[in-house]
Every structure is written in structure tokens, then in C-alpha cells.
């Protein structure tokens, strides 16, 4: 899977387009979160999104690199 375009990423961020299941699975894997944790509310999806947004806003290169691996 290749790197997504900035316009696609922007649509995901604005909620105009859903995140493909395959990418969501890889994001969960990269953050060591299982589907069961999401389904049983052991992990709040808003916290997952906040973690990604925080790394982006703080320009946390190491954390962003972990997330970017999902797209390569």
C-alpha cells in the first residue's frame, strides 16, 4: 500500500471520507491496540485519534514515523 495523497488525508481529517478498514487495522496494529479493545471500549477511539493528532501537532517525528509505516 502506497502513501496516500495529502488531499485524501485531508478528507479523512475532516471526516468527509471514511478511513479504509485496511489502514485502520494497520493503525491499530502499529499502536498495539486490538479490535477487542475497541469493541469492548477498553480503548476510546477518540483517544487513539487524539494520539495521532497530538503527534502531528507536536511534530513528534518518531511517533509520526511509527504511524507512517502503516502507509508503506
Protein backbone atom coordinates (compact mmCIF):
# COMPACT_ATOMS: atom_id res chain seq x y z
CA UNK A 1 0.00 0.00 0.00
CA UNK A 2 1.47 3.34 -1.02
CA UNK A 3 1.49 6.67 0.72
CA UNK A 4 -1.84 8.45 0.46
CA UNK A 5 -2.18 11.86 -1.12
CA UNK A 6 -2.47 14.97 1.01
CA UNK A 7 -5.98 15.53 -0.34
CA UNK A 8 -7.06 12.05 0.80
CA UNK A 9 -5.52 12.59 4.22
CA UNK A 10 -7.29 15.96 4.45
CA UNK A 11 -10.67 14.35 3.64
CA UNK A 12 -10.08 11.76 6.40
CA UNK A 13 -9.18 14.50 8.87
CA UNK A 14 -12.32 16.48 8.04
CA UNK A 15 -14.49 13.37 8.23
CA UNK A 16 -15.57 13.74 4.62
CA UNK A 17 -14.35 10.27 3.73
CA UNK A 18 -14.03 7.14 5.82
CA UNK A 19 -10.69 5.61 6.66
CA UNK A 20 -10.33 2.30 4.77
CA UNK A 21 -10.57 -0.75 7.02
CA UNK A 22 -7.15 -1.99 5.92
CA UNK A 23 -5.49 1.23 7.03
CA UNK A 24 -7.47 1.32 10.27
CA UNK A 25 -6.27 -2.23 11.01
CA UNK A 26 -2.67 -1.21 10.42
CA UNK A 27 -3.06 1.85 12.63
CA UNK A 28 -4.39 -0.30 15.45
CA UNK A 29 -1.55 -2.77 14.99
CA UNK A 30 1.07 -0.02 14.99
CA UNK A 31 -0.32 1.28 18.30
CA UNK A 32 -0.67 -2.22 19.82
CA UNK A 33 -4.45 -1.96 20.08
CA UNK A 34 -6.72 -4.91 19.30
CA UNK A 35 -10.20 -4.88 17.80
CA UNK A 36 -11.44 -6.39 21.06
CA UNK A 37 -10.14 -3.40 22.99
CA UNK A 38 -12.02 -1.08 20.63
CA UNK A 39 -15.22 -3.15 20.67
CA UNK A 40 -15.26 -3.64 24.44
CA UNK A 41 -14.49 0.04 24.96
CA UNK A 42 -11.19 -0.73 26.67
CA UNK A 43 -9.74 1.88 24.35
CA UNK A 44 -11.63 5.03 23.46
CA UNK A 45 -11.33 5.64 19.72
CA UNK A 46 -11.23 9.35 20.46
CA UNK A 47 -8.05 8.75 22.47
CA UNK A 48 -6.50 6.97 19.50
CA UNK A 49 -7.35 9.87 17.22
CA UNK A 50 -6.08 12.34 19.80
CA UNK A 51 -2.75 10.49 19.98
CA UNK A 52 -2.32 10.81 16.21
CA UNK A 53 -3.36 14.46 16.20
CA UNK A 54 -1.06 15.29 19.12
CA UNK A 55 1.95 13.69 17.43
CA UNK A 56 1.15 15.68 14.29
CA UNK A 57 0.72 18.98 16.12
CA UNK A 58 3.84 18.47 18.23
CA UNK A 59 5.81 17.43 15.18
CA UNK A 60 6.80 14.27 17.06
CA UNK A 61 8.83 12.76 14.26
CA UNK A 62 9.41 9.41 15.98
CA UNK A 63 5.72 8.87 16.67
CA UNK A 64 4.75 10.03 13.19
CA UNK A 65 7.30 7.63 11.68
CA UNK A 66 5.61 4.76 13.52
CA UNK A 67 2.27 5.83 12.09
CA UNK A 68 3.65 6.40 8.59
CA UNK A 69 4.87 2.81 8.42
CA UNK A 70 1.19 1.93 8.14
CA UNK A 71 1.04 3.60 4.72
CA UNK A 72 4.12 1.98 3.20
